[in-house]
Amino acid sequence: MTERLRCALQGRLNVLAEPRHHLDLTRKIDLAPDLEFVRGGKCVAVGDLKYKIYTDGKGRNPDYYQLLAYTTALELSEGALIYCGTDQADRPSTKVVRHANKRLHTWAVDLTASAASVDTEIAALADWIVEGPVCSPGTSGPSSSSGTDSHPRRTGVTPAASRSLTLTVVGSAHCRITSNTVE
């Protein structure tokens, strides 16, 4: 998933995988978010990939706590939980953290869908990361919205019956998903 996002965001944002940070001033509590989104040498957002399958379409408290730690340590106002698993099309939402000036977003990618659908979902996710609430250039803290379902739902993505997908990246040039491989 990291490599697919890196390819989809190429030329718009750099994606760092598992950069090392510390939560505390004494540097004893290590943090390694799955994704760090960088623009112009500056971290503009953080993301965490979750490969958990929940049928109720809700994020879990420990996931939010982990993302809150990342956004706090990196002095960011926003971050995203990206759930990779089965169809959870109604998952996109935003939670505003009380007294912390933080917005925690969720997004889901159905890895059981067809290769074309997965490619479409990852492209939509990349666009949302760049243009949406997570790290658009004008983002500077929480908005006055209610904090739920603040971005559009995706359309045209249909899950396939139980089909697995293996992603492989060769080189750093063009990335395109075809059937079950990335070229």
N, C-alpha and C. Protein backbone atom coordinates (compact mmCIF):
# COMPACT_ATOMS: atom_id res chain seq x y z
N MET A 1 0.82 -1.18 0.00
CA MET A 1 0.00 0.00 0.00
C MET A 1 0.87 1.26 0.00
N THR A 2 1.96 1.24 0.75
CA THR A 2 2.85 2.39 0.81
C THR A 2 3.40 2.72 -0.57
N GLU A 3 3.86 1.71 -1.29
CA GLU A 3 4.43 1.93 -2.62
C GLU A 3 3.37 2.41 -3.60
N ARG A 4 2.16 1.89 -3.50
CA ARG A 4 1.08 2.34 -4.39
C ARG A 4 0.75 3.80 -4.12
N LEU A 5 0.69 4.20 -2.86
CA LEU A 5 0.45 5.61 -2.54
C LEU A 5 1.60 6.48 -3.01
N ARG A 6 2.81 5.99 -2.83
CA ARG A 6 3.99 6.75 -3.28
C ARG A 6 3.89 7.00 -4.78
N CYS A 7 3.50 6.00 -5.53
CA CYS A 7 3.35 6.16 -6.98
C CYS A 7 2.21 7.11 -7.33
N ALA A 8 1.07 6.97 -6.64
CA ALA A 8 -0.10 7.80 -6.93
C ALA A 8 0.15 9.26 -6.55
N LEU A 9 1.03 9.51 -5.61
CA LEU A 9 1.32 10.87 -5.15
C LEU A 9 2.57 11.46 -5.78
N GLN A 10 3.20 10.71 -6.66
CA GLN A 10 4.45 11.15 -7.29
C GLN A 10 4.27 12.53 -7.93
N GLY A 11 5.20 13.45 -7.60
CA GLY A 11 5.14 14.80 -8.13
C GLY A 11 4.25 15.74 -7.34
N ARG A 12 3.47 15.20 -6.39
CA ARG A 12 2.58 16.04 -5.58
C ARG A 12 3.02 16.06 -4.12
N LEU A 13 3.34 14.90 -3.59
CA LEU A 13 3.82 14.77 -2.21
C LEU A 13 4.84 13.64 -2.18
N ASN A 14 5.81 13.75 -1.30
CA ASN A 14 6.71 12.64 -1.05
C ASN A 14 6.13 11.82 0.09
N VAL A 15 6.30 10.52 0.02
CA VAL A 15 5.80 9.63 1.06
C VAL A 15 6.98 8.91 1.70
N LEU A 16 7.14 9.12 3.00
CA LEU A 16 8.18 8.42 3.76
C LEU A 16 7.53 7.25 4.48
N ALA A 17 8.19 6.11 4.45
CA ALA A 17 7.67 4.92 5.11
C ALA A 17 8.35 4.73 6.46
N GLU A 18 7.56 4.65 7.51
CA GLU A 18 7.99 4.38 8.87
C GLU A 18 9.18 5.23 9.34
N PRO A 19 9.07 6.55 9.21
CA PRO A 19 10.14 7.40 9.74
C PRO A 19 10.16 7.33 11.27
N ARG A 20 11.32 7.45 11.85
CA ARG A 20 11.46 7.37 13.30
C ARG A 20 11.31 8.74 13.95
N HIS A 21 10.50 8.78 15.01
CA HIS A 21 10.28 9.99 15.79
C HIS A 21 10.19 9.59 17.26
N HIS A 22 10.07 10.59 18.12
CA HIS A 22 9.93 10.32 19.55
C HIS A 22 8.76 11.13 20.10
N LEU A 23 8.03 10.52 21.01
CA LEU A 23 6.89 11.19 21.62
C LEU A 23 7.34 12.13 22.73
N ASP A 24 8.37 11.75 23.45
CA ASP A 24 8.78 12.50 24.64
C ASP A 24 10.07 13.29 24.41
N LEU A 25 10.33 14.24 25.28
CA LEU A 25 11.51 15.09 25.16
C LEU A 25 12.81 14.34 25.44
N THR A 26 12.75 13.29 26.25
CA THR A 26 13.96 12.52 26.54
C THR A 26 14.25 11.47 25.47
N ARG A 27 13.40 11.40 24.46
CA ARG A 27 13.57 10.51 23.30
C ARG A 27 13.59 9.03 23.69
N LYS A 28 12.78 8.67 24.67
CA LYS A 28 12.71 7.28 25.13
C LYS A 28 11.50 6.53 24.54
N ILE A 29 10.48 7.27 24.15
CA ILE A 29 9.28 6.65 23.58
C ILE A 29 9.32 6.82 22.07
N ASP A 30 9.63 5.71 21.39
CA ASP A 30 9.76 5.73 19.93
C ASP A 30 8.39 5.73 19.26
N LEU A 31 8.34 6.42 18.13
CA LEU A 31 7.16 6.41 17.27
C LEU A 31 7.61 6.13 15.85
N ALA A 32 6.85 5.35 15.12
CA ALA A 32 7.16 5.09 13.71
C ALA A 32 5.84 4.99 12.94
N PRO A 33 5.28 6.14 12.55
CA PRO A 33 4.05 6.08 11.77
C PRO A 33 4.31 5.38 10.44
N ASP A 34 3.30 4.73 9.91
CA ASP A 34 3.47 4.03 8.63
C ASP A 34 3.81 4.98 7.50
N LEU A 35 3.16 6.15 7.50
CA LEU A 35 3.31 7.09 6.39
C LEU A 35 3.52 8.51 6.89
N GLU A 36 4.44 9.19 6.26
CA GLU A 36 4.62 10.61 6.51
C GLU A 36 4.57 11.29 5.15
N PHE A 37 3.69 12.27 5.02
CA PHE A 37 3.51 12.98 3.76
C PHE A 37 4.28 14.29 3.83
N VAL A 38 5.19 14.49 2.85
CA VAL A 38 6.12 15.61 2.88
C VAL A 38 5.94 16.47 1.64
N ARG A 39 5.87 17.79 1.85
CA ARG A 39 5.79 18.76 0.76
C ARG A 39 6.87 19.81 1.02
N GLY A 40 7.74 20.02 0.04
CA GLY A 40 8.78 21.03 0.19
C GLY A 40 9.70 20.78 1.37
N GLY A 41 9.98 19.53 1.69
CA GLY A 41 10.85 19.18 2.79
C GLY A 41 10.20 19.23 4.16
N LYS A 42 8.91 19.58 4.21
CA LYS A 42 8.21 19.68 5.49
C LYS A 42 7.11 18.63 5.59
N CYS A 43 7.04 17.97 6.73
CA CYS A 43 5.97 17.00 6.98
C CYS A 43 4.65 17.77 7.10
N VAL A 44 3.68 17.43 6.24
CA VAL A 44 2.39 18.12 6.26
C VAL A 44 1.27 17.24 6.79
N ALA A 45 1.51 15.94 6.86
CA ALA A 45 0.50 15.03 7.40
C ALA A 45 1.14 13.69 7.71
N VAL A 46 0.43 12.92 8.50
CA VAL A 46 0.88 11.60 8.89
C VAL A 46 -0.27 10.63 8.67
N GLY A 47 0.08 9.38 8.33
CA GLY A 47 -0.95 8.38 8.12
C GLY A 47 -0.54 7.05 8.73
N ASP A 48 -1.53 6.27 9.09
CA ASP A 48 -1.26 4.95 9.64
C ASP A 48 -2.13 3.94 8.91
N LEU A 49 -1.51 2.88 8.41
CA LEU A 49 -2.22 1.82 7.69
C LEU A 49 -2.71 0.78 8.67
N LYS A 50 -3.93 0.35 8.50
CA LYS A 50 -4.52 -0.69 9.35
C LYS A 50 -5.03 -1.81 8.46
N TYR A 51 -4.57 -3.00 8.73
CA TYR A 51 -5.00 -4.16 7.96
C TYR A 51 -5.95 -5.00 8.79
N LYS A 52 -6.86 -4.33 9.46
CA LYS A 52 -7.86 -4.99 10.29
C LYS A 52 -9.18 -4.96 9.54
N ILE A 53 -9.96 -6.00 9.71
CA ILE A 53 -11.26 -6.05 9.04
C ILE A 53 -12.35 -5.94 10.09
N TYR A 54 -13.11 -4.86 10.00
CA TYR A 54 -14.24 -4.64 10.90
C TYR A 54 -15.49 -4.55 10.05
N THR A 55 -16.51 -5.29 10.42
CA THR A 55 -17.74 -5.28 9.63
C THR A 55 -18.63 -4.09 9.95
N ASP A 56 -18.39 -3.42 11.07
CA ASP A 56 -19.26 -2.30 11.42
C ASP A 56 -18.81 -0.98 10.82
N GLY A 57 -17.65 -0.96 10.11
CA GLY A 57 -17.19 0.24 9.43
C GLY A 57 -16.72 1.35 10.36
N LYS A 58 -16.39 1.04 11.60
CA LYS A 58 -15.95 2.07 12.54
C LYS A 58 -14.48 1.90 12.88
N GLY A 59 -13.81 3.04 13.07
CA GLY A 59 -12.43 3.00 13.56
C GLY A 59 -12.44 2.58 15.02
N ARG A 60 -11.33 2.11 15.50
CA ARG A 60 -11.21 1.66 16.88
C ARG A 60 -10.45 2.68 17.72
N ASN A 61 -10.82 2.79 18.99
CA ASN A 61 -10.19 3.76 19.87
C ASN A 61 -8.67 3.67 19.89
N PRO A 62 -8.06 2.47 20.03
CA PRO A 62 -6.60 2.41 20.04
C PRO A 62 -5.97 2.97 18.76
N ASP A 63 -6.64 2.81 17.63
CA ASP A 63 -6.14 3.37 16.37
C ASP A 63 -6.13 4.90 16.42
N TYR A 64 -7.22 5.46 16.95
CA TYR A 64 -7.29 6.93 17.09
C TYR A 64 -6.24 7.44 18.07
N TYR A 65 -6.04 6.74 19.18
CA TYR A 65 -5.04 7.15 20.16
C TYR A 65 -3.64 7.15 19.53
N GLN A 66 -3.35 6.13 18.74
CA GLN A 66 -2.06 6.04 18.09
C GLN A 66 -1.87 7.20 17.11
N LEU A 67 -2.88 7.49 16.31
CA LEU A 67 -2.80 8.59 15.37
C LEU A 67 -2.68 9.93 16.10
N LEU A 68 -3.38 10.07 17.21
CA LEU A 68 -3.28 11.30 18.01
C LEU A 68 -1.85 11.49 18.53
N ALA A 69 -1.21 10.41 18.95
CA ALA A 69 0.19 10.49 19.40
C ALA A 69 1.09 10.96 18.25
N TYR A 70 0.87 10.42 17.05
CA TYR A 70 1.68 10.83 15.89
C TYR A 70 1.48 12.31 15.57
N THR A 71 0.23 12.75 15.50
CA THR A 71 -0.02 14.16 15.16
C THR A 71 0.53 15.09 16.23
N THR A 72 0.45 14.68 17.48
CA THR A 72 0.96 15.50 18.57
C THR A 72 2.49 15.61 18.51
N ALA A 73 3.17 14.48 18.37
CA ALA A 73 4.63 14.47 18.35
C ALA A 73 5.18 15.23 17.15
N LEU A 74 4.46 15.19 16.02
CA LEU A 74 4.92 15.86 14.81
C LEU A 74 4.37 17.28 14.67
N GLU A 75 3.62 17.72 15.68
CA GLU A 75 3.02 19.05 15.68
C GLU A 75 2.17 19.30 14.44
N LEU A 76 1.34 18.32 14.12
CA LEU A 76 0.44 18.41 12.98
C LEU A 76 -0.99 18.55 13.47
N SER A 77 -1.82 19.22 12.70
CA SER A 77 -3.21 19.38 13.09
C SER A 77 -4.08 18.24 12.56
N GLU A 78 -3.55 17.44 11.59
CA GLU A 78 -4.37 16.42 10.97
C GLU A 78 -3.57 15.16 10.68
N GLY A 79 -4.27 14.04 10.64
CA GLY A 79 -3.68 12.77 10.28
C GLY A 79 -4.77 11.85 9.77
N ALA A 80 -4.35 10.72 9.17
CA ALA A 80 -5.33 9.80 8.57
C ALA A 80 -5.05 8.36 8.95
N LEU A 81 -6.12 7.64 9.27
CA LEU A 81 -6.09 6.18 9.42
C LEU A 81 -6.58 5.62 8.10
N ILE A 82 -5.81 4.74 7.50
CA ILE A 82 -6.19 4.14 6.22
C ILE A 82 -6.40 2.66 6.46
N TYR A 83 -7.65 2.24 6.38
CA TYR A 83 -8.01 0.84 6.62
C TYR A 83 -7.96 0.08 5.31
N CYS A 84 -7.19 -0.99 5.29
CA CYS A 84 -7.03 -1.82 4.10
C CYS A 84 -7.65 -3.18 4.40
N GLY A 85 -8.61 -3.55 3.64
CA GLY A 85 -9.29 -4.82 3.91
C GLY A 85 -10.42 -5.06 2.95
N THR A 86 -11.60 -5.24 3.47
CA THR A 86 -12.76 -5.50 2.64
C THR A 86 -13.56 -4.23 2.43
N ASP A 87 -14.66 -4.35 1.68
CA ASP A 87 -15.48 -3.19 1.35
C ASP A 87 -15.98 -2.49 2.60
N GLN A 88 -15.59 -1.25 2.75
CA GLN A 88 -16.03 -0.41 3.86
C GLN A 88 -16.28 0.98 3.28
N ALA A 89 -17.04 1.03 2.18
CA ALA A 89 -17.20 2.25 1.39
C ALA A 89 -17.76 3.42 2.19
N ASP A 90 -18.49 3.15 3.27
CA ASP A 90 -19.04 4.28 4.00
C ASP A 90 -18.14 4.70 5.16
N ARG A 91 -16.91 4.23 5.22
CA ARG A 91 -16.00 4.54 6.30
C ARG A 91 -15.55 6.00 6.35
N PRO A 92 -15.31 6.71 5.24
CA PRO A 92 -14.70 8.03 5.37
C PRO A 92 -15.39 8.91 6.40
N SER A 93 -14.59 9.39 7.33
CA SER A 93 -15.13 10.29 8.35
C SER A 93 -13.99 11.06 8.99
N THR A 94 -14.35 12.05 9.77
CA THR A 94 -13.38 12.87 10.48
C THR A 94 -13.84 13.03 11.91
N LYS A 95 -12.92 12.84 12.83
CA LYS A 95 -13.19 13.05 14.25
C LYS A 95 -12.35 14.24 14.70
N VAL A 96 -12.98 15.20 15.35
CA VAL A 96 -12.27 16.34 15.90
C VAL A 96 -12.00 16.06 17.38
N VAL A 97 -10.74 16.15 17.78
CA VAL A 97 -10.34 15.84 19.15
C VAL A 97 -10.54 17.08 20.02
N ARG A 98 -11.29 16.91 21.07
CA ARG A 98 -11.56 18.01 22.00
C ARG A 98 -10.27 18.53 22.63
N HIS A 99 -10.16 19.84 22.73
CA HIS A 99 -9.07 20.52 23.43
C HIS A 99 -7.67 20.25 22.86
N ALA A 100 -7.59 19.65 21.68
CA ALA A 100 -6.28 19.30 21.14
C ALA A 100 -5.98 19.94 19.78
N ASN A 101 -6.99 20.57 19.17
CA ASN A 101 -6.78 21.20 17.87
C ASN A 101 -6.32 20.18 16.82
N LYS A 102 -6.90 18.97 16.86
CA LYS A 102 -6.52 17.88 15.94
C LYS A 102 -7.76 17.32 15.24
N ARG A 103 -7.56 16.95 13.97
CA ARG A 103 -8.61 16.27 13.19
C ARG A 103 -8.05 14.93 12.74
N LEU A 104 -8.74 13.85 13.07
CA LEU A 104 -8.31 12.49 12.73
C LEU A 104 -9.28 11.94 11.69
N HIS A 105 -8.76 11.66 10.51
CA HIS A 105 -9.57 11.21 9.39
C HIS A 105 -9.43 9.70 9.20
N THR A 106 -10.45 9.08 8.64
CA THR A 106 -10.37 7.67 8.25
C THR A 106 -10.75 7.53 6.78
N TRP A 107 -10.19 6.53 6.16
CA TRP A 107 -10.45 6.20 4.75
C TRP A 107 -10.25 4.69 4.63
N ALA A 108 -10.96 4.04 3.73
CA ALA A 108 -10.80 2.60 3.53
C ALA A 108 -10.51 2.28 2.07
N VAL A 109 -9.70 1.26 1.87
CA VAL A 109 -9.41 0.74 0.54
C VAL A 109 -9.75 -0.75 0.57
N ASP A 110 -10.60 -1.17 -0.34
CA ASP A 110 -11.03 -2.57 -0.41
C ASP A 110 -10.03 -3.37 -1.24
N LEU A 111 -9.13 -4.07 -0.57
CA LEU A 111 -8.12 -4.87 -1.27
C LEU A 111 -8.67 -6.18 -1.81
N THR A 112 -9.94 -6.48 -1.55
CA THR A 112 -10.55 -7.70 -2.10
C THR A 112 -11.23 -7.40 -3.43
N ALA A 113 -11.25 -6.16 -3.85
CA ALA A 113 -11.89 -5.76 -5.11
C ALA A 113 -10.99 -6.13 -6.29
N SER A 114 -11.49 -5.90 -7.48
CA SER A 114 -10.70 -6.15 -8.68
C SER A 114 -9.50 -5.22 -8.71
N ALA A 115 -8.51 -5.59 -9.49
CA ALA A 115 -7.30 -4.77 -9.59
C ALA A 115 -7.64 -3.36 -10.06
N ALA A 116 -8.53 -3.24 -11.01
CA ALA A 116 -8.93 -1.92 -11.52
C ALA A 116 -9.61 -1.10 -10.43
N SER A 117 -10.45 -1.74 -9.63
CA SER A 117 -11.13 -1.03 -8.54
C SER A 117 -10.14 -0.58 -7.47
N VAL A 118 -9.19 -1.44 -7.14
CA VAL A 118 -8.17 -1.06 -6.15
C VAL A 118 -7.38 0.14 -6.67
N ASP A 119 -7.00 0.10 -7.95
CA ASP A 119 -6.27 1.22 -8.54
C ASP A 119 -7.09 2.50 -8.47
N THR A 120 -8.38 2.41 -8.74
CA THR A 120 -9.27 3.58 -8.67
C THR A 120 -9.37 4.09 -7.24
N GLU A 121 -9.49 3.19 -6.28
CA GLU A 121 -9.58 3.59 -4.87
C GLU A 121 -8.30 4.27 -4.40
N ILE A 122 -7.15 3.74 -4.79
CA ILE A 122 -5.88 4.33 -4.37
C ILE A 122 -5.70 5.71 -5.01
N ALA A 123 -6.10 5.85 -6.27
CA ALA A 123 -6.03 7.17 -6.92
C ALA A 123 -6.94 8.16 -6.21
N ALA A 124 -8.15 7.72 -5.82
CA ALA A 124 -9.07 8.61 -5.09
C ALA A 124 -8.49 8.97 -3.73
N LEU A 125 -7.88 8.01 -3.06
CA LEU A 125 -7.24 8.28 -1.77
C LEU A 125 -6.11 9.30 -1.92
N ALA A 126 -5.28 9.13 -2.94
CA ALA A 126 -4.18 10.06 -3.18
C ALA A 126 -4.71 11.47 -3.43
N ASP A 127 -5.75 11.58 -4.25
CA ASP A 127 -6.35 12.90 -4.51
C ASP A 127 -6.89 13.50 -3.22
N TRP A 128 -7.55 12.68 -2.42
CA TRP A 128 -8.12 13.16 -1.16
C TRP A 128 -7.03 13.64 -0.21
N ILE A 129 -5.91 12.92 -0.16
CA ILE A 129 -4.80 13.31 0.71
C ILE A 129 -4.27 14.69 0.29
N VAL A 130 -4.09 14.89 -1.01
CA VAL A 130 -3.53 16.15 -1.51
C VAL A 130 -4.54 17.29 -1.47
N GLU A 131 -5.75 17.04 -1.95
CA GLU A 131 -6.73 18.11 -2.13
C GLU A 131 -7.72 18.23 -0.98
N GLY A 132 -7.87 17.16 -0.23
CA GLY A 132 -8.87 17.13 0.82
C GLY A 132 -8.37 17.72 2.12
N PRO A 133 -8.98 17.31 3.21
CA PRO A 133 -8.68 17.93 4.48
C PRO A 133 -7.32 17.57 5.07
N VAL A 134 -6.70 16.49 4.64
CA VAL A 134 -5.49 16.03 5.31
C VAL A 134 -4.30 16.96 5.11
N CYS A 135 -3.96 17.31 3.88
CA CYS A 135 -2.78 18.17 3.72
C CYS A 135 -2.90 19.12 2.55
N SER A 136 -4.07 19.67 2.34
CA SER A 136 -4.19 20.73 1.34
C SER A 136 -3.39 21.92 1.82
N PRO A 137 -2.82 22.71 0.91
CA PRO A 137 -1.95 23.82 1.31
C PRO A 137 -2.60 24.78 2.30
N GLY A 138 -3.91 24.94 2.28
CA GLY A 138 -4.57 25.87 3.18
C GLY A 138 -4.90 25.30 4.54
N THR A 139 -4.61 24.04 4.78
CA THR A 139 -4.97 23.42 6.05
C THR A 139 -4.10 23.97 7.17
N SER A 140 -4.75 24.49 8.20
CA SER A 140 -3.97 25.03 9.31
C SER A 140 -4.61 24.76 10.65
N GLY A 141 -5.42 23.74 10.74
CA GLY A 141 -6.05 23.41 12.01
C GLY A 141 -7.49 23.03 11.81
N PRO A 142 -8.19 22.73 12.88
CA PRO A 142 -9.55 22.27 12.76
C PRO A 142 -10.47 23.34 12.20
N SER A 143 -11.43 22.90 11.46
CA SER A 143 -12.43 23.82 10.94
C SER A 143 -13.60 23.86 11.89
N SER A 144 -14.58 24.65 11.54
CA SER A 144 -15.73 24.76 12.42
C SER A 144 -16.82 23.75 12.09
N SER A 145 -16.52 22.79 11.21
CA SER A 145 -17.54 21.79 10.87
C SER A 145 -17.77 20.84 12.03
N SER A 146 -18.78 20.02 11.89
CA SER A 146 -19.13 19.10 12.96
C SER A 146 -18.11 18.01 13.14
N GLY A 147 -17.27 17.77 12.10
CA GLY A 147 -16.20 16.81 12.24
C GLY A 147 -16.55 15.39 11.83
N THR A 148 -17.69 15.19 11.19
CA THR A 148 -17.99 13.84 10.73
C THR A 148 -18.37 13.89 9.26
N ASP A 149 -17.96 12.86 8.54
CA ASP A 149 -18.28 12.72 7.13
C ASP A 149 -18.03 14.02 6.37
N SER A 150 -16.82 14.57 6.50
CA SER A 150 -16.55 15.86 5.91
C SER A 150 -15.97 15.80 4.51
N HIS A 151 -15.83 14.62 3.93
CA HIS A 151 -15.36 14.56 2.56
C HIS A 151 -16.27 13.66 1.75
N PRO A 152 -16.27 13.82 0.43
CA PRO A 152 -17.24 13.11 -0.40
C PRO A 152 -17.01 11.61 -0.41
N ARG A 153 -18.09 10.88 -0.60
CA ARG A 153 -18.00 9.44 -0.73
C ARG A 153 -17.49 9.09 -2.12
N ARG A 154 -16.81 7.96 -2.22
CA ARG A 154 -16.31 7.52 -3.50
C ARG A 154 -17.40 6.77 -4.25
N THR A 155 -17.37 6.87 -5.55
CA THR A 155 -18.35 6.15 -6.36
C THR A 155 -17.62 5.36 -7.43
N GLY A 156 -18.29 4.41 -8.02
CA GLY A 156 -17.73 3.64 -9.11
C GLY A 156 -16.76 2.56 -8.69
N VAL A 157 -16.65 2.25 -7.41
CA VAL A 157 -15.75 1.21 -6.94
C VAL A 157 -16.60 0.06 -6.45
N THR A 158 -16.48 -1.07 -7.12
CA THR A 158 -17.29 -2.21 -6.76
C THR A 158 -16.42 -3.34 -6.24
N PRO A 159 -16.75 -3.91 -5.08
CA PRO A 159 -15.94 -5.01 -4.58
C PRO A 159 -16.16 -6.28 -5.40
N ALA A 160 -15.10 -7.04 -5.54
CA ALA A 160 -15.21 -8.33 -6.21
C ALA A 160 -15.40 -9.40 -5.15
N ALA A 161 -15.77 -10.60 -5.58
CA ALA A 161 -15.84 -11.71 -4.63
C ALA A 161 -14.44 -11.93 -4.10
N SER A 162 -14.26 -12.74 -3.14
CA SER A 162 -13.00 -12.93 -2.43
C SER A 162 -11.81 -13.11 -3.38
N ARG A 163 -11.10 -12.03 -3.68
CA ARG A 163 -9.95 -12.07 -4.57
C ARG A 163 -8.79 -11.38 -3.88
N SER A 164 -7.66 -12.04 -3.80
CA SER A 164 -6.51 -11.43 -3.15
C SER A 164 -5.72 -10.63 -4.17
N LEU A 165 -4.93 -9.72 -3.69
CA LEU A 165 -4.15 -8.85 -4.55
C LEU A 165 -2.74 -8.76 -4.01
N THR A 166 -1.77 -9.00 -4.86
CA THR A 166 -0.38 -8.87 -4.48
C THR A 166 0.20 -7.69 -5.24
N LEU A 167 0.80 -6.75 -4.54
CA LEU A 167 1.38 -5.58 -5.16
C LEU A 167 2.89 -5.69 -5.12
N THR A 168 3.51 -5.50 -6.26
CA THR A 168 4.96 -5.54 -6.36
C THR A 168 5.40 -4.32 -7.14
N VAL A 169 6.42 -3.62 -6.67
CA VAL A 169 6.92 -2.45 -7.37
C VAL A 169 8.31 -2.77 -7.90
N VAL A 170 8.50 -2.49 -9.19
CA VAL A 170 9.80 -2.71 -9.83
C VAL A 170 10.31 -1.35 -10.28
N GLY A 171 11.44 -0.92 -9.73
CA GLY A 171 11.99 0.38 -10.10
C GLY A 171 11.20 1.52 -9.50
N SER A 172 11.57 2.74 -9.85
CA SER A 172 10.88 3.90 -9.28
C SER A 172 10.21 4.74 -10.35
N ALA A 173 10.20 4.25 -11.58
CA ALA A 173 9.61 5.04 -12.66
C ALA A 173 8.09 4.97 -12.62
N HIS A 174 7.48 4.59 -13.66
CA HIS A 174 6.02 4.60 -13.77
C HIS A 174 5.41 3.48 -12.95
N CYS A 175 4.32 3.78 -12.28
CA CYS A 175 3.61 2.78 -11.51
C CYS A 175 2.20 2.66 -12.08
N ARG A 176 1.83 1.47 -12.38
CA ARG A 176 0.49 1.22 -12.89
C ARG A 176 0.10 -0.17 -12.44
N ILE A 177 -1.12 -0.32 -11.98
CA ILE A 177 -1.55 -1.64 -11.56
C ILE A 177 -2.23 -2.34 -12.74
N THR A 178 -1.83 -3.56 -12.97
CA THR A 178 -2.41 -4.36 -14.04
C THR A 178 -2.65 -5.73 -13.46
N SER A 179 -3.87 -6.19 -13.50
CA SER A 179 -4.23 -7.48 -12.94
C SER A 179 -3.74 -7.55 -11.51
N ASN A 180 -2.77 -8.42 -11.23
CA ASN A 180 -2.29 -8.55 -9.86
C ASN A 180 -0.85 -8.10 -9.68
N THR A 181 -0.35 -7.26 -10.57
CA THR A 181 1.02 -6.77 -10.42
C THR A 181 1.07 -5.27 -10.64
N VAL A 182 2.12 -4.66 -10.18
CA VAL A 182 2.36 -3.24 -10.42
C VAL A 182 3.53 -3.14 -11.36
N GLU A 183 3.40 -2.33 -12.40
CA GLU A 183 4.49 -2.15 -13.36
C GLU A 183 5.12 -0.80 -13.20
